[in-house]
Amino acid sequence: MNLNPTEVLNPVFNTLDALIQNCGVYLYLVVVWLSLLVIVWIFSGGLRTKRPQENPATVIPGIIFRMRPQIQPPPPTGIEVDQTWDRDDETTD
């Protein structure tokens, strides 16, 4: 009993080679159409998990903006300004 993979699978490969050689164009067309059907099935929701229908609810996602109140700075109180540094109006000749 020979369990060498190349010798065990040789009849399978020979059969596939003959099938592709005789009917390769038709196999290609079948594969292309099946792949298109699979793509349509996936886009239509074929891979989504089914949710239980116990409590159906519609969820509409949205973004909520909250306007923060504008904070007014407190009015200045008790600030004394020293005016002695501004002596541009006095000219000395």
N, C-alpha and C. Protein backbone atom coordinates (compact mmCIF):
# COMPACT_ATOMS: atom_id res chain seq x y z
N MET A 1 0.85 -1.17 0.00
CA MET A 1 0.00 0.00 0.00
C MET A 1 0.90 1.23 0.00
N ASN A 2 0.76 2.01 -1.04
CA ASN A 2 1.59 3.20 -1.20
C ASN A 2 0.76 4.43 -0.82
N LEU A 3 1.22 5.19 0.18
CA LEU A 3 0.49 6.37 0.63
C LEU A 3 1.19 7.66 0.22
N ASN A 4 1.99 7.59 -0.80
CA ASN A 4 2.64 8.78 -1.32
C ASN A 4 1.57 9.68 -1.96
N PRO A 5 1.47 10.95 -1.53
CA PRO A 5 0.38 11.81 -2.02
C PRO A 5 0.40 12.01 -3.53
N THR A 6 1.54 12.07 -4.13
CA THR A 6 1.57 12.29 -5.57
C THR A 6 1.02 11.10 -6.34
N GLU A 7 1.25 9.88 -5.84
CA GLU A 7 0.73 8.69 -6.52
C GLU A 7 -0.73 8.45 -6.20
N VAL A 8 -1.17 8.83 -5.02
CA VAL A 8 -2.57 8.63 -4.64
C VAL A 8 -3.46 9.62 -5.40
N LEU A 9 -2.99 10.84 -5.56
CA LEU A 9 -3.81 11.87 -6.20
C LEU A 9 -3.60 11.95 -7.70
N ASN A 10 -2.74 11.13 -8.25
CA ASN A 10 -2.48 11.16 -9.68
C ASN A 10 -3.74 10.89 -10.52
N PRO A 11 -4.57 9.91 -10.20
CA PRO A 11 -5.79 9.72 -11.00
C PRO A 11 -6.74 10.91 -10.93
N VAL A 12 -6.79 11.56 -9.78
CA VAL A 12 -7.66 12.74 -9.62
C VAL A 12 -7.15 13.87 -10.52
N PHE A 13 -5.85 14.09 -10.51
CA PHE A 13 -5.29 15.16 -11.35
C PHE A 13 -5.45 14.85 -12.83
N ASN A 14 -5.30 13.60 -13.21
CA ASN A 14 -5.49 13.23 -14.62
C ASN A 14 -6.94 13.45 -15.05
N THR A 15 -7.88 13.11 -14.17
CA THR A 15 -9.30 13.33 -14.50
C THR A 15 -9.61 14.81 -14.62
N LEU A 16 -9.08 15.63 -13.71
CA LEU A 16 -9.32 17.08 -13.77
C LEU A 16 -8.67 17.68 -15.02
N ASP A 17 -7.49 17.21 -15.38
CA ASP A 17 -6.84 17.71 -16.60
C ASP A 17 -7.67 17.39 -17.83
N ALA A 18 -8.19 16.18 -17.90
CA ALA A 18 -9.02 15.80 -19.05
C ALA A 18 -10.31 16.60 -19.08
N LEU A 19 -10.91 16.81 -17.93
CA LEU A 19 -12.16 17.59 -17.86
C LEU A 19 -11.93 19.03 -18.29
N ILE A 20 -10.83 19.63 -17.85
CA ILE A 20 -10.52 21.00 -18.25
C ILE A 20 -10.18 21.07 -19.73
N GLN A 21 -9.50 20.07 -20.24
CA GLN A 21 -9.13 20.07 -21.65
C GLN A 21 -10.37 19.93 -22.55
N ASN A 22 -11.34 19.15 -22.13
CA ASN A 22 -12.53 18.92 -22.95
C ASN A 22 -13.62 19.97 -22.74
N CYS A 23 -13.81 20.41 -21.50
CA CYS A 23 -14.95 21.30 -21.18
C CYS A 23 -14.49 22.55 -20.44
N GLY A 24 -13.30 23.02 -20.69
CA GLY A 24 -12.74 24.14 -19.92
C GLY A 24 -13.52 25.43 -20.08
N VAL A 25 -14.00 25.73 -21.28
CA VAL A 25 -14.73 26.98 -21.52
C VAL A 25 -16.05 26.96 -20.77
N TYR A 26 -16.73 25.84 -20.78
CA TYR A 26 -18.02 25.75 -20.08
C TYR A 26 -17.84 25.81 -18.57
N LEU A 27 -16.79 25.19 -18.06
CA LEU A 27 -16.50 25.30 -16.63
C LEU A 27 -16.21 26.74 -16.22
N TYR A 28 -15.47 27.43 -17.07
CA TYR A 28 -15.16 28.84 -16.80
C TYR A 28 -16.43 29.67 -16.75
N LEU A 29 -17.34 29.47 -17.71
CA LEU A 29 -18.59 30.23 -17.72
C LEU A 29 -19.44 29.93 -16.50
N VAL A 30 -19.49 28.69 -16.08
CA VAL A 30 -20.26 28.32 -14.89
C VAL A 30 -19.67 28.99 -13.65
N VAL A 31 -18.36 28.97 -13.53
CA VAL A 31 -17.70 29.57 -12.36
C VAL A 31 -17.93 31.09 -12.34
N VAL A 32 -17.86 31.75 -13.49
CA VAL A 32 -18.07 33.20 -13.54
C VAL A 32 -19.50 33.54 -13.12
N TRP A 33 -20.49 32.84 -13.67
CA TRP A 33 -21.88 33.14 -13.32
C TRP A 33 -22.18 32.82 -11.86
N LEU A 34 -21.63 31.74 -11.36
CA LEU A 34 -21.83 31.42 -9.94
C LEU A 34 -21.19 32.46 -9.03
N SER A 35 -20.01 32.96 -9.43
CA SER A 35 -19.37 33.99 -8.59
C SER A 35 -20.18 35.28 -8.60
N LEU A 36 -20.77 35.63 -9.74
CA LEU A 36 -21.63 36.82 -9.77
C LEU A 36 -22.85 36.65 -8.87
N LEU A 37 -23.45 35.45 -8.90
CA LEU A 37 -24.59 35.19 -8.03
C LEU A 37 -24.20 35.24 -6.55
N VAL A 38 -23.02 34.75 -6.22
CA VAL A 38 -22.55 34.79 -4.83
C VAL A 38 -22.30 36.23 -4.40
N ILE A 39 -21.76 37.05 -5.26
CA ILE A 39 -21.52 38.46 -4.93
C ILE A 39 -22.83 39.18 -4.70
N VAL A 40 -23.83 38.94 -5.54
CA VAL A 40 -25.14 39.56 -5.35
C VAL A 40 -25.77 39.08 -4.05
N TRP A 41 -25.63 37.81 -3.75
CA TRP A 41 -26.18 37.27 -2.50
C TRP A 41 -25.52 37.92 -1.28
N ILE A 42 -24.21 38.11 -1.34
CA ILE A 42 -23.50 38.74 -0.21
C ILE A 42 -23.94 40.18 -0.04
N PHE A 43 -24.04 40.94 -1.15
CA PHE A 43 -24.47 42.34 -1.05
C PHE A 43 -25.91 42.48 -0.60
N SER A 44 -26.74 41.49 -0.84
CA SER A 44 -28.14 41.58 -0.43
C SER A 44 -28.34 41.16 1.02
N GLY A 45 -27.27 40.79 1.71
CA GLY A 45 -27.37 40.48 3.13
C GLY A 45 -27.30 39.01 3.43
N GLY A 46 -26.76 38.23 2.56
CA GLY A 46 -26.70 36.79 2.77
C GLY A 46 -25.79 36.37 3.91
N LEU A 47 -24.83 37.18 4.27
CA LEU A 47 -23.90 36.80 5.33
C LEU A 47 -24.26 37.40 6.69
N ARG A 48 -25.31 38.20 6.72
CA ARG A 48 -25.71 38.80 8.01
C ARG A 48 -26.33 37.74 8.90
N THR A 49 -26.09 37.88 10.19
CA THR A 49 -26.72 36.95 11.13
C THR A 49 -28.16 37.36 11.33
N LYS A 50 -29.00 36.38 11.49
CA LYS A 50 -30.42 36.64 11.71
C LYS A 50 -30.64 36.99 13.17
N ARG A 51 -31.32 38.10 13.40
CA ARG A 51 -31.62 38.52 14.76
C ARG A 51 -33.00 38.01 15.15
N PRO A 52 -33.17 37.68 16.41
CA PRO A 52 -34.49 37.22 16.83
C PRO A 52 -35.51 38.37 16.74
N GLN A 53 -36.75 38.02 16.39
CA GLN A 53 -37.79 39.03 16.20
C GLN A 53 -38.61 39.27 17.46
N GLU A 54 -38.03 39.01 18.63
CA GLU A 54 -38.76 39.17 19.88
C GLU A 54 -39.08 40.63 20.17
N ASN A 55 -38.11 41.50 20.01
CA ASN A 55 -38.30 42.90 20.36
C ASN A 55 -37.78 43.76 19.20
N PRO A 56 -38.56 43.88 18.14
CA PRO A 56 -38.07 44.68 17.01
C PRO A 56 -38.08 46.18 17.35
N ALA A 57 -37.02 46.83 17.02
CA ALA A 57 -36.92 48.27 17.26
C ALA A 57 -36.12 48.88 16.13
N THR A 58 -36.54 50.07 15.73
CA THR A 58 -35.83 50.78 14.69
C THR A 58 -34.84 51.72 15.34
N VAL A 59 -33.60 51.60 14.97
CA VAL A 59 -32.55 52.46 15.52
C VAL A 59 -32.07 53.35 14.39
N ILE A 60 -32.17 54.65 14.62
CA ILE A 60 -31.68 55.62 13.65
C ILE A 60 -30.45 56.29 14.25
N PRO A 61 -29.29 56.00 13.70
CA PRO A 61 -28.09 56.62 14.26
C PRO A 61 -28.06 58.12 13.95
N GLY A 62 -27.57 58.88 14.89
CA GLY A 62 -27.47 60.32 14.68
C GLY A 62 -26.41 60.92 15.57
N ILE A 63 -26.09 62.13 15.28
CA ILE A 63 -25.09 62.86 16.06
C ILE A 63 -25.81 64.01 16.75
N ILE A 64 -25.60 64.12 18.04
CA ILE A 64 -26.24 65.17 18.83
C ILE A 64 -25.17 66.17 19.23
N PHE A 65 -25.42 67.43 18.88
CA PHE A 65 -24.51 68.51 19.26
C PHE A 65 -25.13 69.28 20.41
N ARG A 66 -24.38 69.50 21.44
CA ARG A 66 -24.84 70.32 22.56
C ARG A 66 -24.04 71.62 22.55
N MET A 67 -24.75 72.71 22.54
CA MET A 67 -24.09 74.01 22.57
C MET A 67 -23.77 74.35 24.02
N ARG A 68 -22.50 74.53 24.29
CA ARG A 68 -22.12 74.92 25.64
C ARG A 68 -22.37 76.41 25.81
N PRO A 69 -22.86 76.82 26.97
CA PRO A 69 -23.10 78.25 27.17
C PRO A 69 -21.77 79.01 27.15
N GLN A 70 -21.82 80.19 26.55
CA GLN A 70 -20.61 80.99 26.49
C GLN A 70 -20.36 81.59 27.87
N ILE A 71 -19.14 81.42 28.33
CA ILE A 71 -18.78 81.90 29.66
C ILE A 71 -18.24 83.31 29.51
N GLN A 72 -18.90 84.26 30.14
CA GLN A 72 -18.47 85.65 30.12
C GLN A 72 -17.39 85.84 31.18
N PRO A 73 -16.32 86.54 30.84
CA PRO A 73 -15.31 86.80 31.87
C PRO A 73 -15.89 87.77 32.90
N PRO A 74 -15.50 87.61 34.12
CA PRO A 74 -16.04 88.53 35.15
C PRO A 74 -15.54 89.95 34.89
N PRO A 75 -16.37 90.92 35.23
CA PRO A 75 -15.94 92.31 35.02
C PRO A 75 -14.75 92.64 35.92
N PRO A 76 -13.85 93.49 35.44
CA PRO A 76 -12.68 93.83 36.27
C PRO A 76 -13.10 94.67 37.47
N THR A 77 -12.61 94.29 38.60
CA THR A 77 -12.90 95.04 39.84
C THR A 77 -11.61 95.25 40.59
N GLY A 78 -11.45 96.45 41.09
CA GLY A 78 -10.30 96.77 41.93
C GLY A 78 -8.98 96.79 41.20
N ILE A 79 -8.97 97.06 39.92
CA ILE A 79 -7.71 97.13 39.18
C ILE A 79 -7.31 98.60 39.07
N GLU A 80 -6.11 98.89 39.52
CA GLU A 80 -5.61 100.25 39.40
C GLU A 80 -4.56 100.28 38.30
N VAL A 81 -4.68 101.25 37.41
CA VAL A 81 -3.76 101.37 36.30
C VAL A 81 -2.80 102.52 36.61
N ASP A 82 -1.52 102.25 36.53
CA ASP A 82 -0.50 103.27 36.78
C ASP A 82 -0.29 104.06 35.49
N GLN A 83 -0.58 105.32 35.50
CA GLN A 83 -0.49 106.15 34.31
C GLN A 83 0.81 106.95 34.26
N THR A 84 1.72 106.73 35.14
CA THR A 84 2.94 107.52 35.18
C THR A 84 3.93 107.10 34.10
N TRP A 85 3.81 105.96 33.54
CA TRP A 85 4.77 105.51 32.54
C TRP A 85 4.53 106.14 31.19
N ASP A 86 3.34 106.64 30.92
CA ASP A 86 2.99 107.20 29.62
C ASP A 86 3.26 108.71 29.66
N ARG A 87 4.43 109.15 29.24
CA ARG A 87 4.80 110.55 29.27
C ARG A 87 5.06 111.08 27.87
N ASP A 88 4.36 110.60 26.88
CA ASP A 88 4.55 111.06 25.51
C ASP A 88 3.96 112.46 25.31
N ASP A 89 2.97 112.82 26.09
CA ASP A 89 2.34 114.13 25.86
C ASP A 89 3.19 115.28 26.41
N GLU A 90 4.13 115.01 27.32
CA GLU A 90 5.03 116.05 27.80
C GLU A 90 6.29 116.07 26.96
N THR A 91 6.59 117.17 26.41
CA THR A 91 7.82 117.30 25.63
C THR A 91 8.78 118.22 26.37
N THR A 92 9.98 117.80 26.46
CA THR A 92 10.99 118.63 27.12
C THR A 92 11.94 119.15 26.05
N ASP A 93 12.14 120.46 26.07
CA ASP A 93 13.05 121.10 25.12
C ASP A 93 14.32 121.51 25.77
